[in-house]
Structure formats: structure tokens, C-alpha cells
N, C-alpha and C. Protein backbone atom coordinates (compact mmCIF):
# COMPACT_ATOMS: atom_id res chain seq x y z
N VAL A 1 51.24 -14.34 5.92
CA VAL A 1 51.37 -15.47 5.41
C VAL A 1 51.24 -15.50 3.53
N VAL A 2 52.15 -16.19 2.92
CA VAL A 2 51.83 -15.72 1.83
C VAL A 2 52.00 -17.31 0.94
N ASP A 3 51.63 -17.29 -0.20
CA ASP A 3 51.46 -18.84 -1.07
C ASP A 3 52.70 -18.93 -1.40
N SER A 4 53.22 -20.41 -1.94
CA SER A 4 54.79 -20.77 -2.12
C SER A 4 54.84 -20.19 -3.28
N ASP A 5 54.32 -19.33 -3.93
CA ASP A 5 54.50 -18.97 -5.54
C ASP A 5 55.47 -17.38 -5.04
N ILE A 6 55.75 -16.99 -3.85
CA ILE A 6 55.96 -15.68 -3.46
C ILE A 6 57.57 -16.13 -2.37
N ASP A 7 58.33 -15.62 -2.92
CA ASP A 7 59.71 -15.59 -2.36
C ASP A 7 59.61 -14.76 -0.70
N VAL A 8 59.63 -15.22 0.51
CA VAL A 8 59.34 -14.43 1.60
C VAL A 8 60.54 -13.35 1.60
N PHE A 9 61.57 -13.70 1.12
CA PHE A 9 62.84 -13.02 1.42
C PHE A 9 62.99 -11.86 0.24
N ASN A 10 62.14 -11.93 -0.74
CA ASN A 10 62.15 -10.75 -1.50
C ASN A 10 61.05 -10.04 -1.22
N VAL A 11 61.26 -8.41 -1.00
CA VAL A 11 60.19 -7.41 -0.38
C VAL A 11 59.56 -7.35 -1.46
N SER A 12 59.95 -7.05 -2.79
CA SER A 12 59.25 -6.74 -3.97
C SER A 12 57.67 -7.75 -4.12
N ASP A 13 57.81 -9.51 -3.78
CA ASP A 13 56.83 -10.33 -3.95
C ASP A 13 56.22 -10.32 -2.88
N VAL A 14 56.77 -10.06 -1.82
CA VAL A 14 55.63 -9.71 -0.61
C VAL A 14 54.71 -8.56 -0.61
N GLU A 15 55.35 -7.48 -1.13
CA GLU A 15 54.47 -6.10 -1.49
C GLU A 15 53.44 -6.29 -2.38
N TRP A 16 53.86 -7.27 -3.48
CA TRP A 16 52.93 -7.70 -4.50
C TRP A 16 52.05 -8.77 -4.11
N ALA A 17 52.41 -9.44 -3.06
CA ALA A 17 51.25 -10.20 -2.64
C ALA A 17 49.95 -9.68 -2.31
N ILE A 18 50.42 -8.60 -1.22
CA ILE A 18 49.97 -8.20 -0.09
C ILE A 18 49.06 -6.83 -1.11
N ALA A 19 49.27 -6.35 -1.88
CA ALA A 19 48.66 -5.60 -3.05
C ALA A 19 47.26 -5.90 -3.84
N THR A 20 47.79 -7.48 -4.32
CA THR A 20 46.99 -8.00 -5.00
C THR A 20 46.22 -9.08 -4.40
N ARG A 21 46.24 -9.72 -3.35
CA ARG A 21 45.89 -10.90 -2.60
C ARG A 21 45.13 -10.42 -1.24
N PHE A 22 45.12 -9.46 -0.40
CA PHE A 22 44.86 -8.92 0.88
C PHE A 22 43.44 -7.73 0.71
N GLN A 23 42.85 -8.39 1.46
CA GLN A 23 41.54 -7.53 1.76
C GLN A 23 41.64 -7.40 3.06
N ALA A 24 41.82 -6.13 3.85
CA ALA A 24 41.94 -6.05 5.21
C ALA A 24 40.42 -6.39 5.78
N SER A 25 39.34 -6.01 5.52
CA SER A 25 38.15 -6.56 5.81
C SER A 25 38.38 -8.42 6.00
N GLU A 26 38.71 -9.07 5.24
CA GLU A 26 39.12 -10.53 5.39
C GLU A 26 40.17 -11.15 6.01
N ASP A 27 41.28 -10.53 5.73
CA ASP A 27 42.83 -11.04 5.74
C ASP A 27 43.59 -10.42 6.92
N LEU A 28 43.04 -9.67 7.91
CA LEU A 28 43.85 -9.04 8.88
C LEU A 28 43.57 -9.83 10.05
N LEU A 29 44.22 -10.27 10.76
CA LEU A 29 44.27 -10.79 12.22
C LEU A 29 44.99 -9.94 13.41
N VAL A 30 44.03 -9.38 14.20
CA VAL A 30 44.11 -8.67 15.35
C VAL A 30 44.61 -9.29 16.78
N ILE A 31 45.12 -9.41 17.43
CA ILE A 31 45.34 -10.37 18.60
C ILE A 31 45.83 -9.23 19.91
N LYS A 32 44.79 -9.15 20.60
CA LYS A 32 45.06 -8.21 21.79
C LYS A 32 45.80 -8.80 23.13
N ASN A 33 46.44 -8.19 23.88
CA ASN A 33 46.49 -8.72 25.08
C ASN A 33 47.76 -9.59 25.13
N VAL A 34 48.54 -9.99 24.06
CA VAL A 34 49.37 -10.71 24.06
C VAL A 34 51.00 -10.25 24.68
N ARG A 35 51.88 -11.13 24.91
CA ARG A 35 53.19 -10.77 25.54
C ARG A 35 53.83 -10.24 24.63
N GLY A 36 54.49 -9.25 25.02
CA GLY A 36 55.34 -8.61 23.76
C GLY A 36 56.94 -8.38 24.40
N SER A 37 57.46 -7.57 23.87
CA SER A 37 59.06 -7.25 24.02
C SER A 37 59.20 -6.24 25.19
N THR A 38 60.06 -6.02 26.65
CA THR A 38 59.96 -5.19 27.01
C THR A 38 60.57 -3.99 26.22
N LEU A 39 61.61 -4.15 25.18
CA LEU A 39 61.62 -3.17 24.53
C LEU A 39 60.94 -2.26 23.28
N ASP A 40 59.70 -2.72 23.46
CA ASP A 40 58.27 -2.21 22.35
C ASP A 40 58.01 -0.63 23.32
N SER A 41 57.88 0.13 23.24
CA SER A 41 58.08 1.24 23.87
C SER A 41 56.26 1.32 23.68
N SER A 42 55.66 0.63 22.93
CA SER A 42 54.19 1.21 22.86
C SER A 42 53.05 0.08 23.48
N ALA A 43 54.15 -1.11 23.92
CA ALA A 43 53.26 -1.86 24.73
C ALA A 43 53.17 -1.27 26.25
N ASP A 44 52.08 -2.19 26.80
CA ASP A 44 51.91 -1.88 28.20
C ASP A 44 53.17 -1.96 29.72
N GLN A 45 53.99 -0.59 29.54
CA GLN A 45 55.26 -1.12 30.48
C GLN A 45 55.07 -2.20 31.55
N GLU A 46 54.05 -1.70 32.39
CA GLU A 46 53.84 -2.64 33.57
C GLU A 46 53.55 -4.02 33.33
N THR A 47 52.53 -4.39 32.47
CA THR A 47 52.10 -5.97 32.62
C THR A 47 53.26 -6.44 30.58
N GLY A 48 53.83 -5.69 30.39
CA GLY A 48 54.26 -6.36 28.92
C GLY A 48 53.48 -6.69 27.80
N LEU A 49 52.24 -6.64 28.00
CA LEU A 49 51.46 -6.75 26.76
C LEU A 49 51.19 -5.88 25.61
N THR A 50 50.79 -6.29 24.69
CA THR A 50 50.77 -5.46 23.46
C THR A 50 50.02 -6.40 22.25
N THR A 51 49.31 -5.61 21.33
CA THR A 51 48.72 -6.11 20.48
C THR A 51 49.49 -6.61 19.29
N LYS A 52 49.20 -7.70 18.64
CA LYS A 52 50.03 -8.37 17.65
C LYS A 52 48.90 -8.42 16.38
N MET A 53 49.42 -8.70 14.84
CA MET A 53 48.81 -8.32 14.25
C MET A 53 49.48 -9.64 12.98
N GLY A 54 48.52 -10.16 12.12
CA GLY A 54 48.74 -10.98 11.03
C GLY A 54 48.08 -10.65 9.99
N VAL A 55 48.97 -11.04 8.93
CA VAL A 55 48.34 -10.54 7.04
C VAL A 55 48.29 -11.94 6.19
N ASP A 56 47.04 -11.88 5.91
CA ASP A 56 47.18 -13.47 5.14
C ASP A 56 47.15 -12.80 3.71
N ALA A 57 48.05 -12.68 2.83
CA ALA A 57 48.13 -12.78 1.65
C ALA A 57 48.33 -13.97 0.67
N THR A 58 47.48 -14.94 1.04
CA THR A 58 47.63 -15.80 -0.03
C THR A 58 46.03 -15.70 -0.54
N ARG A 59 46.08 -16.65 -2.14
CA ARG A 59 45.22 -16.24 -2.92
C ARG A 59 43.67 -17.20 -1.94
N PRO A 60 42.48 -16.43 -2.30
CA PRO A 60 41.52 -16.49 -1.74
C PRO A 60 41.00 -18.38 -2.51
N PHE A 61 40.68 -19.26 -1.74
CA PHE A 61 40.05 -20.61 -2.38
C PHE A 61 38.95 -20.33 -2.97
N THR A 62 38.27 -19.24 -2.94
CA THR A 62 36.92 -19.10 -3.89
C THR A 62 37.00 -18.52 -4.86
N LYS A 63 38.52 -18.33 -5.28
CA LYS A 63 38.34 -17.35 -6.31
C LYS A 63 39.61 -18.44 -7.19
N PRO A 64 39.20 -18.11 -8.71
CA PRO A 64 39.93 -18.77 -9.63
C PRO A 64 41.74 -18.64 -9.54
N LYS A 65 42.53 -19.67 -9.55
CA LYS A 65 43.78 -19.06 -9.12
C LYS A 65 44.52 -18.55 -10.14
N GLU A 66 44.47 -18.43 -11.51
CA GLU A 66 44.58 -17.78 -12.60
C GLU A 66 44.35 -16.46 -12.33
N LYS A 67 43.25 -16.18 -11.75
CA LYS A 67 42.91 -14.74 -11.45
C LYS A 67 44.04 -13.96 -10.99
N PHE A 68 44.79 -14.80 -10.22
CA PHE A 68 45.94 -14.14 -9.42
C PHE A 68 47.56 -14.16 -10.05
N ASP A 69 47.34 -14.44 -11.12
CA ASP A 69 48.89 -14.41 -11.72
C ASP A 69 49.06 -13.10 -12.03
N ARG A 70 50.65 -13.16 -12.05
CA ARG A 70 51.11 -11.86 -12.39
C ARG A 70 50.87 -11.29 -13.70
N ALA A 71 50.68 -10.20 -13.96
CA ALA A 71 50.60 -9.40 -15.27
C ALA A 71 52.36 -9.68 -15.92
N LYS A 72 51.96 -9.73 -17.55
CA LYS A 72 52.96 -10.12 -18.00
C LYS A 72 53.02 -9.19 -18.81
N ILE A 73 54.18 -7.82 -18.67
CA ILE A 73 54.43 -6.76 -19.61
C ILE A 73 55.37 -7.19 -21.06
N PRO A 74 54.86 -7.24 -21.63
CA PRO A 74 55.90 -7.28 -23.01
C PRO A 74 56.85 -6.37 -23.14
N ALA A 75 58.22 -6.93 -23.10
CA ALA A 75 59.22 -5.52 -23.47
C ALA A 75 59.55 -5.61 -24.71
N SER A 76 60.36 -4.78 -25.14
CA SER A 76 60.56 -4.86 -26.50
C SER A 76 61.86 -5.39 -26.79
N ARG A 77 62.17 -5.50 -27.90
CA ARG A 77 63.33 -6.67 -28.20
C ARG A 77 64.88 -5.85 -27.75
N ARG A 78 64.64 -4.97 -27.93
CA ARG A 78 65.88 -4.09 -27.37
C ARG A 78 66.00 -4.10 -25.96
N VAL A 79 64.88 -3.87 -24.93
CA VAL A 79 65.40 -3.85 -23.89
C VAL A 79 65.91 -5.71 -23.33
N ASP A 80 64.69 -6.37 -24.08
CA ASP A 80 65.34 -7.64 -23.94
C ASP A 80 66.72 -8.18 -24.33
N THR A 81 67.66 -7.27 -25.10
CA THR A 81 68.82 -7.28 -25.64
C THR A 81 69.55 -6.63 -24.56
N LEU A 82 69.04 -5.70 -23.93
CA LEU A 82 69.93 -5.04 -22.91
C LEU A 82 70.11 -5.82 -21.64
N VAL A 83 68.90 -6.15 -21.13
CA VAL A 83 68.82 -6.85 -19.81
C VAL A 83 69.77 -8.22 -20.27
N HIS A 84 69.59 -8.95 -21.36
CA HIS A 84 70.64 -10.23 -21.48
C HIS A 84 71.96 -9.92 -21.38
N LYS A 85 72.26 -8.55 -21.87
CA LYS A 85 74.00 -8.58 -22.24
C LYS A 85 74.27 -7.96 -20.61
N LEU A 86 72.96 -7.20 -19.77
CA LEU A 86 73.83 -7.01 -18.31
C LEU A 86 73.69 -8.17 -17.20
N THR A 87 72.56 -9.08 -17.41
CA THR A 87 72.50 -10.06 -16.72
C THR A 87 72.61 -11.39 -17.13
N GLY A 88 72.99 -11.76 -18.11
CA GLY A 88 72.96 -12.92 -18.87
C GLY A 88 71.63 -13.88 -18.83
N LEU A 89 70.64 -13.45 -18.31
CA LEU A 89 69.61 -14.05 -18.51
C LEU A 89 68.78 -13.65 -19.68
């Protein structure tokens, strides 16, 4: 799970959210003995049960939102010009 400022279709965005907002001791959910796919060779092949996990990569409510803003690294004028020429941005 990520906040609305993260594009779930952008792998870099999701990885960034996990790297900066996720603490395994608090934000990892593990659910044992749930129905899985018969194609999952790691699951119990007789019962079809497996373990699933969820990752909460949202900003914690207990900390200021600004603490989780992305760092803005200033680019040189030359880099900005090249990016504009290549992408139109």
C-alpha cells in the first residue's frame, strides 16, 4: 500500500516509497495458512495453503508529512537545457 503521491505503475516510485517509508518491524503484514495458487510450488501441494505478505509503504501519521517529501537535487543549467531539448519538459 502506498500514498496517493506514489504512482503504483512506476516501479521507481514504489521502490522509493518502500525505501523511505517502510519499517519491517511495523509495516510488514504476514498472513499464514491462506489459500494460494496450485501453480505456487512453494505452497503446500496437498492443502493449497501458503503464506502471503503485505507491505505498508505509506507515511506514518505520527510524523510530519514534510519529513517524507522527495529530496530535490538541483541540476545545472546545462543539464536542464539538455533535458528540455530531449523531452520537451
